[in-house]
Amino acid sequence: MKKPSKGVPLDPAAVCRSSDPMAVRELLTKIGDKWTIFVILSLDLLGGRARFSGLERAIPGISQRMLSSTLKNLERDGLVVREVFPEVPPRVEYELTELGKDLLRPTQGLVDWAKANWEQVRKAQAKYDVR
């Protein structure tokens, strides 16, 4: 990608390399959310399918409200499918769709990068903070 000249505003479409940078930004905001990442990875660790309570136990610090909201957004975006079983009380399970499974590799890559580099980031933060 060619760098813009000084003082020339950057074209948002060039940053995303997309004809619809707003759509790309919206989706990146959603999938880059910490709870989305934890839900996607937790579903994978739980075999690709889990009940709400299983996800809640697997994700430390997430509230029921945030888990519910995140799952609804993931379902709306086609990354998770929700299945309700006609039992008393009703049993609900969430499962990664093919699109959700496709998101696993880049998501895991980001987590792997964070695990490998968190110490360097902390050192840089400490160095910055003493300036």
N, C-alpha and C. Protein backbone atom coordinates (compact mmCIF):
# COMPACT_ATOMS: atom_id res chain seq x y z
N MET A 1 0.85 -1.18 0.00
CA MET A 1 0.00 0.00 0.00
C MET A 1 0.89 1.23 0.00
N LYS A 2 0.63 2.15 -0.87
CA LYS A 2 1.39 3.38 -0.99
C LYS A 2 1.05 4.31 0.17
N LYS A 3 2.09 4.89 0.79
CA LYS A 3 1.88 5.80 1.90
C LYS A 3 1.48 7.16 1.36
N PRO A 4 0.52 7.83 2.04
CA PRO A 4 0.11 9.17 1.58
C PRO A 4 1.17 10.19 1.92
N SER A 5 1.16 11.28 1.18
CA SER A 5 2.07 12.39 1.45
C SER A 5 1.66 13.05 2.75
N LYS A 6 2.64 13.74 3.38
CA LYS A 6 2.34 14.45 4.63
C LYS A 6 1.23 15.46 4.40
N GLY A 7 0.28 15.50 5.33
CA GLY A 7 -0.80 16.47 5.25
C GLY A 7 -1.97 16.01 4.39
N VAL A 8 -1.80 14.91 3.66
CA VAL A 8 -2.89 14.39 2.82
C VAL A 8 -3.67 13.38 3.65
N PRO A 9 -4.99 13.56 3.79
CA PRO A 9 -5.76 12.61 4.60
C PRO A 9 -5.74 11.21 3.97
N LEU A 10 -5.71 10.23 4.83
CA LEU A 10 -5.68 8.84 4.39
C LEU A 10 -7.09 8.41 3.97
N ASP A 11 -7.18 7.76 2.86
CA ASP A 11 -8.46 7.25 2.36
C ASP A 11 -8.86 6.03 3.19
N PRO A 12 -10.01 6.07 3.91
CA PRO A 12 -10.41 4.93 4.74
C PRO A 12 -10.51 3.62 3.94
N ALA A 13 -10.90 3.70 2.70
CA ALA A 13 -11.01 2.49 1.88
C ALA A 13 -9.64 1.86 1.68
N ALA A 14 -8.60 2.68 1.62
CA ALA A 14 -7.25 2.16 1.43
C ALA A 14 -6.77 1.43 2.68
N VAL A 15 -7.12 1.94 3.85
CA VAL A 15 -6.71 1.31 5.10
C VAL A 15 -7.28 -0.11 5.19
N CYS A 16 -8.54 -0.25 4.88
CA CYS A 16 -9.21 -1.56 4.97
C CYS A 16 -9.03 -2.38 3.71
N ARG A 17 -8.54 -1.73 2.65
CA ARG A 17 -8.45 -2.39 1.34
C ARG A 17 -9.81 -2.99 0.98
N SER A 18 -10.81 -2.15 1.13
CA SER A 18 -12.19 -2.56 0.89
C SER A 18 -12.97 -1.41 0.27
N SER A 19 -13.96 -1.76 -0.53
CA SER A 19 -14.81 -0.72 -1.10
C SER A 19 -15.83 -0.22 -0.08
N ASP A 20 -15.99 -0.96 1.03
CA ASP A 20 -16.92 -0.56 2.08
C ASP A 20 -16.21 -0.58 3.44
N PRO A 21 -15.35 0.42 3.68
CA PRO A 21 -14.56 0.41 4.92
C PRO A 21 -15.41 0.49 6.18
N MET A 22 -16.57 1.12 6.12
CA MET A 22 -17.42 1.21 7.31
C MET A 22 -17.93 -0.17 7.72
N ALA A 23 -18.29 -1.00 6.75
CA ALA A 23 -18.74 -2.36 7.05
C ALA A 23 -17.61 -3.18 7.66
N VAL A 24 -16.42 -3.02 7.10
CA VAL A 24 -15.26 -3.75 7.63
C VAL A 24 -14.97 -3.29 9.05
N ARG A 25 -15.00 -1.99 9.27
CA ARG A 25 -14.74 -1.45 10.62
C ARG A 25 -15.77 -1.96 11.62
N GLU A 26 -17.04 -1.97 11.22
CA GLU A 26 -18.10 -2.45 12.11
C GLU A 26 -17.87 -3.92 12.49
N LEU A 27 -17.54 -4.74 11.50
CA LEU A 27 -17.33 -6.16 11.78
C LEU A 27 -16.08 -6.37 12.63
N LEU A 28 -15.00 -5.64 12.34
CA LEU A 28 -13.79 -5.76 13.16
C LEU A 28 -14.05 -5.33 14.60
N THR A 29 -14.86 -4.32 14.79
CA THR A 29 -15.22 -3.88 16.14
C THR A 29 -15.95 -5.00 16.88
N LYS A 30 -16.86 -5.67 16.19
CA LYS A 30 -17.62 -6.76 16.81
C LYS A 30 -16.73 -7.96 17.14
N ILE A 31 -15.97 -8.44 16.17
CA ILE A 31 -15.20 -9.66 16.40
C ILE A 31 -13.95 -9.41 17.23
N GLY A 32 -13.55 -8.13 17.34
CA GLY A 32 -12.40 -7.80 18.16
C GLY A 32 -12.74 -7.56 19.61
N ASP A 33 -14.00 -7.59 19.94
CA ASP A 33 -14.46 -7.42 21.31
C ASP A 33 -13.96 -8.58 22.17
N LYS A 34 -13.49 -8.28 23.38
CA LYS A 34 -12.92 -9.34 24.21
C LYS A 34 -13.90 -10.46 24.50
N TRP A 35 -15.18 -10.14 24.70
CA TRP A 35 -16.13 -11.20 25.03
C TRP A 35 -16.42 -12.06 23.81
N THR A 36 -16.44 -11.47 22.63
CA THR A 36 -16.64 -12.25 21.41
C THR A 36 -15.50 -13.24 21.25
N ILE A 37 -14.28 -12.78 21.45
CA ILE A 37 -13.12 -13.65 21.33
C ILE A 37 -13.21 -14.80 22.33
N PHE A 38 -13.54 -14.48 23.58
CA PHE A 38 -13.64 -15.53 24.60
C PHE A 38 -14.77 -16.52 24.31
N VAL A 39 -15.90 -16.04 23.82
CA VAL A 39 -17.01 -16.94 23.51
C VAL A 39 -16.64 -17.87 22.35
N ILE A 40 -16.07 -17.32 21.29
CA ILE A 40 -15.68 -18.14 20.13
C ILE A 40 -14.67 -19.20 20.55
N LEU A 41 -13.62 -18.80 21.28
CA LEU A 41 -12.60 -19.75 21.70
C LEU A 41 -13.14 -20.76 22.71
N SER A 42 -14.02 -20.32 23.61
CA SER A 42 -14.60 -21.24 24.59
C SER A 42 -15.50 -22.26 23.93
N LEU A 43 -16.29 -21.83 22.96
CA LEU A 43 -17.13 -22.79 22.24
C LEU A 43 -16.26 -23.85 21.57
N ASP A 44 -15.15 -23.43 21.00
CA ASP A 44 -14.25 -24.39 20.37
C ASP A 44 -13.69 -25.36 21.40
N LEU A 45 -13.22 -24.84 22.54
CA LEU A 45 -12.67 -25.71 23.59
C LEU A 45 -13.71 -26.66 24.17
N LEU A 46 -14.96 -26.25 24.13
CA LEU A 46 -16.05 -27.09 24.65
C LEU A 46 -16.60 -28.02 23.56
N GLY A 47 -15.87 -28.19 22.49
CA GLY A 47 -16.28 -29.12 21.44
C GLY A 47 -17.10 -28.49 20.33
N GLY A 48 -17.16 -27.18 20.30
CA GLY A 48 -17.90 -26.50 19.24
C GLY A 48 -19.36 -26.25 19.57
N ARG A 49 -19.82 -26.83 20.68
CA ARG A 49 -21.23 -26.71 21.07
C ARG A 49 -21.31 -26.70 22.59
N ALA A 50 -22.13 -25.81 23.16
CA ALA A 50 -22.24 -25.75 24.61
C ALA A 50 -23.55 -25.10 25.04
N ARG A 51 -23.91 -25.39 26.27
CA ARG A 51 -25.05 -24.72 26.88
C ARG A 51 -24.58 -23.39 27.45
N PHE A 52 -25.54 -22.52 27.71
CA PHE A 52 -25.25 -21.20 28.26
C PHE A 52 -24.45 -21.33 29.55
N SER A 53 -24.88 -22.21 30.45
CA SER A 53 -24.21 -22.36 31.74
C SER A 53 -22.77 -22.85 31.57
N GLY A 54 -22.53 -23.71 30.59
CA GLY A 54 -21.17 -24.18 30.33
C GLY A 54 -20.28 -23.05 29.86
N LEU A 55 -20.81 -22.21 29.01
CA LEU A 55 -20.05 -21.04 28.55
C LEU A 55 -19.79 -20.08 29.70
N GLU A 56 -20.80 -19.88 30.52
CA GLU A 56 -20.66 -18.97 31.65
C GLU A 56 -19.55 -19.44 32.60
N ARG A 57 -19.48 -20.75 32.83
CA ARG A 57 -18.42 -21.30 33.69
C ARG A 57 -17.05 -21.20 33.02
N ALA A 58 -17.02 -21.31 31.71
CA ALA A 58 -15.75 -21.33 30.96
C ALA A 58 -15.13 -19.94 30.80
N ILE A 59 -15.93 -18.89 30.97
CA ILE A 59 -15.44 -17.53 30.71
C ILE A 59 -15.45 -16.73 32.01
N PRO A 60 -14.33 -16.69 32.71
CA PRO A 60 -14.28 -15.96 33.97
C PRO A 60 -14.57 -14.47 33.78
N GLY A 61 -15.41 -13.95 34.67
CA GLY A 61 -15.67 -12.52 34.68
C GLY A 61 -16.81 -12.05 33.79
N ILE A 62 -17.37 -12.93 32.96
CA ILE A 62 -18.47 -12.50 32.09
C ILE A 62 -19.78 -12.58 32.87
N SER A 63 -20.59 -11.55 32.75
CA SER A 63 -21.90 -11.56 33.40
C SER A 63 -22.90 -12.30 32.51
N GLN A 64 -23.99 -12.73 33.10
CA GLN A 64 -25.05 -13.39 32.32
C GLN A 64 -25.56 -12.46 31.23
N ARG A 65 -25.72 -11.20 31.59
CA ARG A 65 -26.22 -10.23 30.62
C ARG A 65 -25.27 -10.05 29.44
N MET A 66 -23.97 -9.95 29.71
CA MET A 66 -22.98 -9.77 28.65
C MET A 66 -22.88 -11.03 27.80
N LEU A 67 -22.93 -12.21 28.42
CA LEU A 67 -22.88 -13.45 27.66
C LEU A 67 -24.10 -13.56 26.76
N SER A 68 -25.26 -13.25 27.29
CA SER A 68 -26.49 -13.29 26.50
C SER A 68 -26.42 -12.34 25.32
N SER A 69 -25.98 -11.12 25.58
CA SER A 69 -25.86 -10.10 24.53
C SER A 69 -24.84 -10.53 23.46
N THR A 70 -23.71 -11.05 23.89
CA THR A 70 -22.67 -11.48 22.96
C THR A 70 -23.17 -12.63 22.10
N LEU A 71 -23.84 -13.60 22.71
CA LEU A 71 -24.37 -14.73 21.95
C LEU A 71 -25.42 -14.28 20.93
N LYS A 72 -26.28 -13.34 21.32
CA LYS A 72 -27.28 -12.82 20.38
C LYS A 72 -26.61 -12.15 19.19
N ASN A 73 -25.58 -11.36 19.46
CA ASN A 73 -24.85 -10.69 18.37
C ASN A 73 -24.16 -11.70 17.46
N LEU A 74 -23.56 -12.72 18.06
CA LEU A 74 -22.89 -13.75 17.27
C LEU A 74 -23.90 -14.53 16.42
N GLU A 75 -25.06 -14.76 16.99
CA GLU A 75 -26.12 -15.45 16.22
C GLU A 75 -26.60 -14.58 15.07
N ARG A 76 -26.80 -13.31 15.34
CA ARG A 76 -27.24 -12.37 14.31
C ARG A 76 -26.23 -12.29 13.17
N ASP A 77 -24.93 -12.34 13.51
CA ASP A 77 -23.88 -12.23 12.51
C ASP A 77 -23.58 -13.56 11.81
N GLY A 78 -24.28 -14.62 12.21
CA GLY A 78 -24.10 -15.90 11.54
C GLY A 78 -22.89 -16.69 12.00
N LEU A 79 -22.34 -16.36 13.16
CA LEU A 79 -21.17 -17.06 13.68
C LEU A 79 -21.54 -18.19 14.64
N VAL A 80 -22.72 -18.07 15.21
CA VAL A 80 -23.22 -19.06 16.17
C VAL A 80 -24.68 -19.35 15.83
N VAL A 81 -25.07 -20.60 16.05
CA VAL A 81 -26.47 -20.97 15.89
C VAL A 81 -26.98 -21.42 17.26
N ARG A 82 -28.22 -21.07 17.54
CA ARG A 82 -28.85 -21.38 18.82
C ARG A 82 -29.92 -22.44 18.58
N GLU A 83 -29.90 -23.49 19.38
CA GLU A 83 -30.90 -24.54 19.24
C GLU A 83 -31.63 -24.72 20.57
N VAL A 84 -32.95 -24.64 20.50
CA VAL A 84 -33.79 -24.81 21.69
C VAL A 84 -34.42 -26.19 21.63
N PHE A 85 -34.28 -26.95 22.71
CA PHE A 85 -34.86 -28.28 22.79
C PHE A 85 -36.16 -28.20 23.59
N PRO A 86 -37.22 -28.82 23.09
CA PRO A 86 -38.54 -28.73 23.77
C PRO A 86 -38.58 -29.62 25.01
N GLU A 87 -37.94 -29.15 26.05
CA GLU A 87 -37.92 -29.87 27.32
C GLU A 87 -38.37 -28.91 28.41
N VAL A 88 -38.64 -29.46 29.58
CA VAL A 88 -39.01 -28.63 30.72
C VAL A 88 -37.97 -28.84 31.80
N PRO A 89 -37.22 -27.83 32.17
CA PRO A 89 -37.14 -26.51 31.53
C PRO A 89 -36.45 -26.63 30.16
N PRO A 90 -36.69 -25.65 29.30
CA PRO A 90 -36.09 -25.71 27.96
C PRO A 90 -34.56 -25.76 28.02
N ARG A 91 -33.99 -26.58 27.18
CA ARG A 91 -32.53 -26.67 27.07
C ARG A 91 -32.13 -25.91 25.81
N VAL A 92 -31.13 -25.05 25.95
CA VAL A 92 -30.64 -24.25 24.83
C VAL A 92 -29.16 -24.53 24.67
N GLU A 93 -28.76 -24.79 23.43
CA GLU A 93 -27.34 -24.99 23.14
C GLU A 93 -26.91 -24.06 22.02
N TYR A 94 -25.65 -23.65 22.09
CA TYR A 94 -25.06 -22.76 21.10
C TYR A 94 -23.95 -23.51 20.40
N GLU A 95 -23.88 -23.31 19.09
CA GLU A 95 -22.88 -24.02 18.30
C GLU A 95 -22.26 -23.09 17.28
N LEU A 96 -20.96 -23.24 17.07
CA LEU A 96 -20.28 -22.46 16.04
C LEU A 96 -20.78 -22.89 14.66
N THR A 97 -21.05 -21.93 13.81
CA THR A 97 -21.38 -22.22 12.42
C THR A 97 -20.07 -22.40 11.65
N GLU A 98 -20.16 -22.73 10.38
CA GLU A 98 -18.94 -22.83 9.57
C GLU A 98 -18.21 -21.49 9.53
N LEU A 99 -18.98 -20.41 9.46
CA LEU A 99 -18.38 -19.08 9.47
C LEU A 99 -17.67 -18.81 10.80
N GLY A 100 -18.29 -19.24 11.89
CA GLY A 100 -17.68 -19.09 13.21
C GLY A 100 -16.41 -19.92 13.34
N LYS A 101 -16.43 -21.14 12.79
CA LYS A 101 -15.25 -22.00 12.81
C LYS A 101 -14.13 -21.38 11.97
N ASP A 102 -14.51 -20.71 10.89
CA ASP A 102 -13.53 -20.06 10.03
C ASP A 102 -12.83 -18.91 10.76
N LEU A 103 -13.52 -18.30 11.72
CA LEU A 103 -12.97 -17.20 12.50
C LEU A 103 -11.99 -17.70 13.56
N LEU A 104 -12.02 -18.99 13.88
CA LEU A 104 -11.16 -19.53 14.93
C LEU A 104 -9.67 -19.32 14.67
N ARG A 105 -9.21 -19.62 13.46
CA ARG A 105 -7.77 -19.56 13.19
C ARG A 105 -7.22 -18.15 13.40
N PRO A 106 -7.80 -17.12 12.79
CA PRO A 106 -7.23 -15.78 13.04
C PRO A 106 -7.41 -15.33 14.49
N THR A 107 -8.49 -15.74 15.13
CA THR A 107 -8.70 -15.38 16.53
C THR A 107 -7.65 -16.04 17.40
N GLN A 108 -7.41 -17.33 17.18
CA GLN A 108 -6.40 -18.05 17.95
C GLN A 108 -5.02 -17.46 17.67
N GLY A 109 -4.79 -17.05 16.43
CA GLY A 109 -3.52 -16.42 16.09
C GLY A 109 -3.30 -15.14 16.88
N LEU A 110 -4.34 -14.35 17.04
CA LEU A 110 -4.25 -13.12 17.82
C LEU A 110 -3.96 -13.44 19.29
N VAL A 111 -4.64 -14.44 19.83
CA VAL A 111 -4.41 -14.85 21.22
C VAL A 111 -2.98 -15.37 21.38
N ASP A 112 -2.52 -16.17 20.43
CA ASP A 112 -1.15 -16.69 20.49
C ASP A 112 -0.13 -15.55 20.47
N TRP A 113 -0.38 -14.53 19.63
CA TRP A 113 0.50 -13.37 19.58
C TRP A 113 0.52 -12.68 20.94
N ALA A 114 -0.66 -12.50 21.56
CA ALA A 114 -0.74 -11.84 22.87
C ALA A 114 0.01 -12.64 23.92
N LYS A 115 -0.13 -13.96 23.91
CA LYS A 115 0.59 -14.80 24.87
C LYS A 115 2.10 -14.69 24.68
N ALA A 116 2.55 -14.63 23.45
CA ALA A 116 3.98 -14.59 23.15
C ALA A 116 4.59 -13.22 23.42
N ASN A 117 3.78 -12.17 23.40
CA ASN A 117 4.34 -10.81 23.45
C ASN A 117 3.90 -9.96 24.62
N TRP A 118 3.10 -10.49 25.53
CA TRP A 118 2.58 -9.66 26.61
C TRP A 118 3.70 -9.09 27.49
N GLU A 119 4.78 -9.85 27.68
CA GLU A 119 5.87 -9.35 28.52
C GLU A 119 6.56 -8.16 27.86
N GLN A 120 6.76 -8.22 26.55
CA GLN A 120 7.38 -7.10 25.83
C GLN A 120 6.49 -5.87 25.90
N VAL A 121 5.20 -6.07 25.80
CA VAL A 121 4.25 -4.95 25.87
C VAL A 121 4.30 -4.34 27.27
N ARG A 122 4.31 -5.17 28.30
CA ARG A 122 4.37 -4.66 29.67
C ARG A 122 5.65 -3.86 29.90
N LYS A 123 6.78 -4.36 29.38
CA LYS A 123 8.05 -3.63 29.52
C LYS A 123 7.98 -2.29 28.81
N ALA A 124 7.40 -2.28 27.62
CA ALA A 124 7.26 -1.01 26.88
C ALA A 124 6.37 -0.04 27.64
N GLN A 125 5.30 -0.56 28.24
CA GLN A 125 4.40 0.30 29.03
C GLN A 125 5.13 0.89 30.23
N ALA A 126 5.90 0.05 30.92
CA ALA A 126 6.65 0.52 32.10
C ALA A 126 7.66 1.58 31.69
N LYS A 127 8.35 1.36 30.60
CA LYS A 127 9.34 2.32 30.10
C LYS A 127 8.65 3.64 29.74
N TYR A 128 7.52 3.56 29.10
CA TYR A 128 6.76 4.74 28.72
C TYR A 128 6.29 5.50 29.97
N ASP A 129 5.77 4.75 30.96
CA ASP A 129 5.18 5.35 32.15
C ASP A 129 6.19 6.11 33.01
N VAL A 130 7.48 5.76 32.95
CA VAL A 130 8.48 6.48 33.76
C VAL A 130 9.01 7.72 33.06
N ARG A 131 8.61 7.97 31.84
CA ARG A 131 9.08 9.17 31.12
C ARG A 131 8.54 10.44 31.71
